[in-house]
Amino acid sequence: MSEVYEKCPIFENNRYMLRFVTREDASDLLDVYSDKLALPFFNSDNCDGDNFYYPTLDRMEKAIDFWISSYEKKWFVRWSIIDKKIGKAIGTIELFNRVADDDFNGVGVLRLDVGSCSEKSNVLEEIVSLIIEPAYDLFDCSVIITKAPIYAVERIEALKKCGFEKSDSFLLGKDDKYPYNGYWIVKK
């Protein structure tokens, strides 16, 4: 697992590229993280009250600085999702191995944030399919989870196509043990 924190890999197909987030992505990502229609799809469970709404360039840059610092501390990896057709970041994808006292101990947690115009089944499926297989080895896990609330119909359709199934288990908050639901799992 430490290899991913020494050299962050790049994943790509004909349309999308996932590469480590940089400060230069801030203006593109501002379009995503200030998109109020996309906000309900972001997974902010266990994120210390951050809802990932960043309405200013300064706030977006601070979030990116935190993501880069977190990578250096080996907490998680956040890739920018580059749409190669338009040459622009259309979102981010985060992964980490979760240590916890619940059913999701030792699993890879995937967070996928895209703008509302990209919250489409075919787009999400293509992005997720780029990283699932390598994620098992990169994060030393045999199960990957991601959140998709019941209203995220396009996301759920994409997850099903990628082999995910709805989980009945709850993710428990790290401090208050608050039970978060809406998780989907895929096994190696």
C-alpha atoms as a PDB file:
ATOM      1  CA  MET A   1       0.000   0.000   0.000  1.00  0.00           C
ATOM      2  CA  SER A   2       2.872   2.399   0.665  1.00  0.00           C
ATOM      3  CA  GLU A   3       3.809   2.429  -3.039  1.00  0.00           C
ATOM      4  CA  VAL A   4       0.744   4.518  -3.932  1.00  0.00           C
ATOM      5  CA  TYR A   5       1.984   7.146  -1.453  1.00  0.00           C
ATOM      6  CA  GLU A   6       5.489   7.176  -2.939  1.00  0.00           C
ATOM      7  CA  LYS A   7       4.494   7.543  -6.585  1.00  0.00           C
ATOM      8  CA  CYS A   8       0.881   8.177  -7.442  1.00  0.00           C
ATOM      9  CA  PRO A   9      -0.075   6.210 -10.565  1.00  0.00           C
ATOM     10  CA  ILE A  10      -1.963   7.620 -13.526  1.00  0.00           C
ATOM     11  CA  PHE A  11      -4.907   5.753 -15.046  1.00  0.00           C
ATOM     12  CA  GLU A  12      -6.437   6.551 -18.401  1.00  0.00           C
ATOM     13  CA  ASN A  13      -8.481   5.410 -21.324  1.00  0.00           C
ATOM     14  CA  ASN A  14      -9.386   7.203 -24.552  1.00  0.00           C
ATOM     15  CA  ARG A  15     -11.630   9.723 -22.795  1.00  0.00           C
ATOM     16  CA  TYR A  16     -10.514  10.174 -19.173  1.00  0.00           C
ATOM     17  CA  MET A  17      -7.310  10.396 -17.197  1.00  0.00           C
ATOM     18  CA  LEU A  18      -6.981  10.080 -13.425  1.00  0.00           C
ATOM     19  CA  ARG A  19      -3.861  11.790 -12.109  1.00  0.00           C
ATOM     20  CA  PHE A  20      -2.838  13.214  -8.754  1.00  0.00           C
ATOM     21  CA  VAL A  21      -4.634  16.466  -7.947  1.00  0.00           C
ATOM     22  CA  THR A  22      -2.612  19.665  -8.258  1.00  0.00           C
ATOM     23  CA  ARG A  23      -3.178  23.275  -7.304  1.00  0.00           C
ATOM     24  CA  GLU A  24      -3.356  24.057 -11.024  1.00  0.00           C
ATOM     25  CA  ASP A  25      -6.680  22.177 -11.080  1.00  0.00           C
ATOM     26  CA  ALA A  26      -8.285  24.716  -8.749  1.00  0.00           C
ATOM     27  CA  SER A  27     -10.200  26.778 -11.316  1.00  0.00           C
ATOM     28  CA  ASP A  28     -11.569  23.661 -13.051  1.00  0.00           C
ATOM     29  CA  LEU A  29     -12.495  22.041  -9.749  1.00  0.00           C
ATOM     30  CA  LEU A  30     -14.142  25.242  -8.541  1.00  0.00           C
ATOM     31  CA  ASP A  31     -16.789  24.587 -11.218  1.00  0.00           C
ATOM     32  CA  VAL A  32     -17.408  21.166  -9.646  1.00  0.00           C
ATOM     33  CA  TYR A  33     -17.283  22.054  -5.954  1.00  0.00           C
ATOM     34  CA  SER A  34     -19.386  25.227  -6.309  1.00  0.00           C
ATOM     35  CA  ASP A  35     -22.058  23.300  -8.249  1.00  0.00           C
ATOM     36  CA  LYS A  36     -24.999  23.143  -5.831  1.00  0.00           C
ATOM     37  CA  LEU A  37     -26.693  20.508  -7.998  1.00  0.00           C
ATOM     38  CA  ALA A  38     -23.680  18.192  -7.586  1.00  0.00           C
ATOM     39  CA  LEU A  39     -23.362  18.721  -3.836  1.00  0.00           C
ATOM     40  CA  PRO A  40     -25.955  16.070  -2.792  1.00  0.00           C
ATOM     41  CA  PHE A  41     -23.876  13.379  -4.522  1.00  0.00           C
ATOM     42  CA  PHE A  42     -20.617  14.121  -2.671  1.00  0.00           C
ATOM     43  CA  ASN A  43     -19.760  11.716   0.145  1.00  0.00           C
ATOM     44  CA  SER A  44     -18.809  13.782   3.177  1.00  0.00           C
ATOM     45  CA  ASP A  45     -19.377  11.004   5.735  1.00  0.00           C
ATOM     46  CA  ASN A  46     -16.729  11.218   8.470  1.00  0.00           C
ATOM     47  CA  CYS A  47     -15.207  14.404   7.043  1.00  0.00           C
ATOM     48  CA  ASP A  48     -15.362  16.513  10.199  1.00  0.00           C
ATOM     49  CA  GLY A  49     -18.307  18.615   9.000  1.00  0.00           C
ATOM     50  CA  ASP A  50     -16.884  19.483   5.560  1.00  0.00           C
ATOM     51  CA  ASN A  51     -19.640  19.170   2.942  1.00  0.00           C
ATOM     52  CA  PHE A  52     -17.277  19.825  -0.005  1.00  0.00           C
ATOM     53  CA  TYR A  53     -19.021  23.028  -1.076  1.00  0.00           C
ATOM     54  CA  TYR A  54     -16.263  25.432  -2.104  1.00  0.00           C
ATOM     55  CA  PRO A  55     -17.766  28.594  -3.626  1.00  0.00           C
ATOM     56  CA  THR A  56     -14.512  30.578  -3.991  1.00  0.00           C
ATOM     57  CA  LEU A  57     -11.146  29.954  -5.614  1.00  0.00           C
ATOM     58  CA  ASP A  58      -9.424  30.579  -2.274  1.00  0.00           C
ATOM     59  CA  ARG A  59     -11.548  27.909  -0.551  1.00  0.00           C
ATOM     60  CA  MET A  60     -10.928  25.482  -3.434  1.00  0.00           C
ATOM     61  CA  GLU A  61      -7.172  26.028  -3.214  1.00  0.00           C
ATOM     62  CA  LYS A  62      -7.248  25.396   0.541  1.00  0.00           C
ATOM     63  CA  ALA A  63      -9.100  22.121  -0.042  1.00  0.00           C
ATOM     64  CA  ILE A  64      -6.505  21.053  -2.611  1.00  0.00           C
ATOM     65  CA  ASP A  65      -3.713  21.991  -0.199  1.00  0.00           C
ATOM     66  CA  PHE A  66      -5.374  19.762   2.406  1.00  0.00           C
ATOM     67  CA  TRP A  67      -5.691  16.899  -0.096  1.00  0.00           C
ATOM     68  CA  ILE A  68      -2.002  17.181  -0.997  1.00  0.00           C
ATOM     69  CA  SER A  69      -1.012  17.339   2.681  1.00  0.00           C
ATOM     70  CA  SER A  70      -3.200  14.302   3.425  1.00  0.00           C
ATOM     71  CA  TYR A  71      -1.440  12.376   0.669  1.00  0.00           C
ATOM     72  CA  GLU A  72       1.932  13.262   2.183  1.00  0.00           C
ATOM     73  CA  LYS A  73       0.636  11.971   5.547  1.00  0.00           C
ATOM     74  CA  LYS A  74      -0.616   8.790   3.794  1.00  0.00           C
ATOM     75  CA  TRP A  75      -4.238   9.383   4.795  1.00  0.00           C
ATOM     76  CA  PHE A  76      -5.764   9.170   1.309  1.00  0.00           C
ATOM     77  CA  VAL A  77      -5.070   9.716  -2.379  1.00  0.00           C
ATOM     78  CA  ARG A  78      -7.124  12.154  -4.429  1.00  0.00           C
ATOM     79  CA  TRP A  79      -6.917  12.061  -8.202  1.00  0.00           C
ATOM     80  CA  SER A  80      -8.259  14.716 -10.557  1.00  0.00           C
ATOM     81  CA  ILE A  81     -10.517  13.342 -13.268  1.00  0.00           C
ATOM     82  CA  ILE A  82      -9.424  14.913 -16.544  1.00  0.00           C
ATOM     83  CA  ASP A  83     -11.797  14.857 -19.499  1.00  0.00           C
ATOM     84  CA  LYS A  84      -9.250  14.559 -22.298  1.00  0.00           C
ATOM     85  CA  LYS A  85     -11.743  15.740 -24.909  1.00  0.00           C
ATOM     86  CA  ILE A  86     -12.062  19.172 -23.287  1.00  0.00           C
ATOM     87  CA  GLY A  87      -8.716  19.217 -21.456  1.00  0.00           C
ATOM     88  CA  LYS A  88     -10.319  20.031 -18.123  1.00  0.00           C
ATOM     89  CA  ALA A  89     -10.727  18.506 -14.637  1.00  0.00           C
ATOM     90  CA  ILE A  90     -14.380  17.485 -14.218  1.00  0.00           C
ATOM     91  CA  GLY A  91     -14.085  16.104 -10.698  1.00  0.00           C
ATOM     92  CA  THR A  92     -11.987  14.059  -8.303  1.00  0.00           C
ATOM     93  CA  ILE A  93     -11.791  10.524  -7.054  1.00  0.00           C
ATOM     94  CA  GLU A  94     -10.410   9.620  -3.624  1.00  0.00           C
ATOM     95  CA  LEU A  95      -9.331   6.273  -2.226  1.00  0.00           C
ATOM     96  CA  PHE A  96      -7.963   5.025   1.080  1.00  0.00           C
ATOM     97  CA  ASN A  97      -7.864   1.900   3.221  1.00  0.00           C
ATOM     98  CA  ARG A  98     -10.249   2.325   6.160  1.00  0.00           C
ATOM     99  CA  VAL A  99      -9.358   1.169   9.662  1.00  0.00           C
ATOM    100  CA  ALA A 100     -12.453   1.024  11.870  1.00  0.00           C
ATOM    101  CA  ASP A 101     -14.491  -0.971  14.376  1.00  0.00           C
ATOM    102  CA  ASP A 102     -17.358  -1.830  12.044  1.00  0.00           C
ATOM    103  CA  ASP A 103     -18.231  -3.992   9.034  1.00  0.00           C
ATOM    104  CA  PHE A 104     -16.127  -1.755   6.800  1.00  0.00           C
ATOM    105  CA  ASN A 105     -12.770  -2.301   8.505  1.00  0.00           C
ATOM    106  CA  GLY A 106      -9.901  -2.817   6.046  1.00  0.00           C
ATOM    107  CA  VAL A 107     -11.921  -1.912   2.965  1.00  0.00           C
ATOM    108  CA  GLY A 108     -11.010   0.566   0.267  1.00  0.00           C
ATOM    109  CA  VAL A 109     -13.231   3.625   0.423  1.00  0.00           C
ATOM    110  CA  LEU A 110     -13.868   5.326  -2.917  1.00  0.00           C
ATOM    111  CA  ARG A 111     -15.230   8.857  -3.061  1.00  0.00           C
ATOM    112  CA  LEU A 112     -16.247  10.156  -6.475  1.00  0.00           C
ATOM    113  CA  ASP A 113     -17.117  13.818  -7.000  1.00  0.00           C
ATOM    114  CA  VAL A 114     -18.143  15.168 -10.401  1.00  0.00           C
ATOM    115  CA  GLY A 115     -20.089  18.184 -11.564  1.00  0.00           C
ATOM    116  CA  SER A 116     -23.812  17.732 -12.123  1.00  0.00           C
ATOM    117  CA  CYS A 117     -23.352  17.675 -15.912  1.00  0.00           C
ATOM    118  CA  SER A 118     -21.142  14.558 -15.498  1.00  0.00           C
ATOM    119  CA  GLU A 119     -23.470  12.728 -13.076  1.00  0.00           C
ATOM    120  CA  LYS A 120     -24.469  10.328 -15.844  1.00  0.00           C
ATOM    121  CA  SER A 121     -24.314   6.553 -15.735  1.00  0.00           C
ATOM    122  CA  ASN A 122     -22.034   6.110 -18.754  1.00  0.00           C
ATOM    123  CA  VAL A 123     -19.557   8.764 -17.548  1.00  0.00           C
ATOM    124  CA  LEU A 124     -19.436   7.416 -13.991  1.00  0.00           C
ATOM    125  CA  GLU A 125     -19.068   3.820 -15.157  1.00  0.00           C
ATOM    126  CA  GLU A 126     -16.145   4.720 -17.409  1.00  0.00           C
ATOM    127  CA  ILE A 127     -14.383   6.625 -14.622  1.00  0.00           C
ATOM    128  CA  VAL A 128     -14.954   4.004 -11.908  1.00  0.00           C
ATOM    129  CA  SER A 129     -13.868   1.178 -14.195  1.00  0.00           C
ATOM    130  CA  LEU A 130     -10.467   2.838 -14.615  1.00  0.00           C
ATOM    131  CA  ILE A 131      -9.537   2.471 -10.954  1.00  0.00           C
ATOM    132  CA  ILE A 132     -11.387  -0.469  -9.388  1.00  0.00           C
ATOM    133  CA  GLU A 133      -9.054  -3.309 -10.375  1.00  0.00           C
ATOM    134  CA  PRO A 134      -5.786  -1.552  -9.455  1.00  0.00           C
ATOM    135  CA  ALA A 135      -7.325  -0.201  -6.230  1.00  0.00           C
ATOM    136  CA  TYR A 136      -7.391  -3.640  -4.596  1.00  0.00           C
ATOM    137  CA  ASP A 137      -3.603  -3.913  -4.742  1.00  0.00           C
ATOM    138  CA  LEU A 138      -2.868  -0.216  -4.263  1.00  0.00           C
ATOM    139  CA  PHE A 139      -4.869  -0.092  -1.030  1.00  0.00           C
ATOM    140  CA  ASP A 140      -4.309  -3.668   0.140  1.00  0.00           C
ATOM    141  CA  CYS A 141      -7.984  -4.609   0.251  1.00  0.00           C
ATOM    142  CA  SER A 142     -10.362  -7.171  -1.199  1.00  0.00           C
ATOM    143  CA  VAL A 143     -13.489  -5.022  -0.859  1.00  0.00           C
ATOM    144  CA  ILE A 144     -14.182  -1.483  -2.069  1.00  0.00           C
ATOM    145  CA  ILE A 145     -17.115   0.587  -0.868  1.00  0.00           C
ATOM    146  CA  THR A 146     -18.635   3.779  -2.168  1.00  0.00           C
ATOM    147  CA  LYS A 147     -21.694   5.801  -1.263  1.00  0.00           C
ATOM    148  CA  ALA A 148     -24.712   6.222  -3.497  1.00  0.00           C
ATOM    149  CA  PRO A 149     -27.874   7.598  -1.879  1.00  0.00           C
ATOM    150  CA  ILE A 150     -31.198   6.222  -3.117  1.00  0.00           C
ATOM    151  CA  TYR A 151     -31.807   9.321  -5.258  1.00  0.00           C
ATOM    152  CA  ALA A 152     -28.490   8.848  -7.130  1.00  0.00           C
ATOM    153  CA  VAL A 153     -30.113   6.764  -9.862  1.00  0.00           C
ATOM    154  CA  GLU A 154     -27.449   7.397 -12.521  1.00  0.00           C
ATOM    155  CA  ARG A 155     -24.658   6.617 -10.048  1.00  0.00           C
ATOM    156  CA  ILE A 156     -26.380   3.442  -8.852  1.00  0.00           C
ATOM    157  CA  GLU A 157     -26.813   2.262 -12.432  1.00  0.00           C
ATOM    158  CA  ALA A 158     -23.088   2.840 -13.083  1.00  0.00           C
ATOM    159  CA  LEU A 159     -22.079   1.054  -9.882  1.00  0.00           C
ATOM    160  CA  LYS A 160     -24.201  -1.979 -10.760  1.00  0.00           C
ATOM    161  CA  LYS A 161     -22.517  -2.142 -14.174  1.00  0.00           C
ATOM    162  CA  CYS A 162     -19.146  -2.106 -12.366  1.00  0.00           C
ATOM    163  CA  GLY A 163     -20.188  -5.045 -10.157  1.00  0.00           C
ATOM    164  CA  PHE A 164     -21.188  -3.179  -6.995  1.00  0.00           C
ATOM    165  CA  GLU A 165     -24.042  -4.416  -4.811  1.00  0.00           C
ATOM    166  CA  LYS A 166     -26.041  -2.582  -2.161  1.00  0.00           C
ATOM    167  CA  SER A 167     -24.791  -3.207   1.370  1.00  0.00           C
ATOM    168  CA  ASP A 168     -27.053  -3.407   4.409  1.00  0.00           C
ATOM    169  CA  SER A 169     -24.140  -2.507   6.701  1.00  0.00           C
ATOM    170  CA  PHE A 170     -23.617   0.922   8.190  1.00  0.00           C
ATOM    171  CA  LEU A 171     -20.379   2.862   8.225  1.00  0.00           C
ATOM    172  CA  LEU A 172     -19.905   4.112  11.777  1.00  0.00           C
ATOM    173  CA  GLY A 173     -18.574   7.613  12.372  1.00  0.00           C
ATOM    174  CA  LYS A 174     -15.050   7.753  13.775  1.00  0.00           C
ATOM    175  CA  ASP A 175     -15.851   9.908  16.789  1.00  0.00           C
ATOM    176  CA  ASP A 176     -19.561   9.735  17.506  1.00  0.00           C
ATOM    177  CA  LYS A 177     -20.202   6.313  15.893  1.00  0.00           C
ATOM    178  CA  TYR A 178     -23.002   7.902  13.865  1.00  0.00           C
ATOM    179  CA  PRO A 179     -24.323   5.233  11.422  1.00  0.00           C
ATOM    180  CA  TYR A 180     -24.023   6.267   7.760  1.00  0.00           C
ATOM    181  CA  ASN A 181     -25.960   4.277   5.171  1.00  0.00           C
ATOM    182  CA  GLY A 182     -26.197   4.158   1.397  1.00  0.00           C
ATOM    183  CA  TYR A 183     -23.027   2.164   0.759  1.00  0.00           C
ATOM    184  CA  TRP A 184     -22.371  -0.136  -2.156  1.00  0.00           C
ATOM    185  CA  ILE A 185     -19.640  -2.789  -2.225  1.00  0.00           C
ATOM    186  CA  VAL A 186     -17.632  -4.662  -4.808  1.00  0.00           C
ATOM    187  CA  LYS A 187     -15.339  -7.600  -4.031  1.00  0.00           C
ATOM    188  CA  LYS A 188     -12.140  -8.651  -5.731  1.00  0.00           C
END
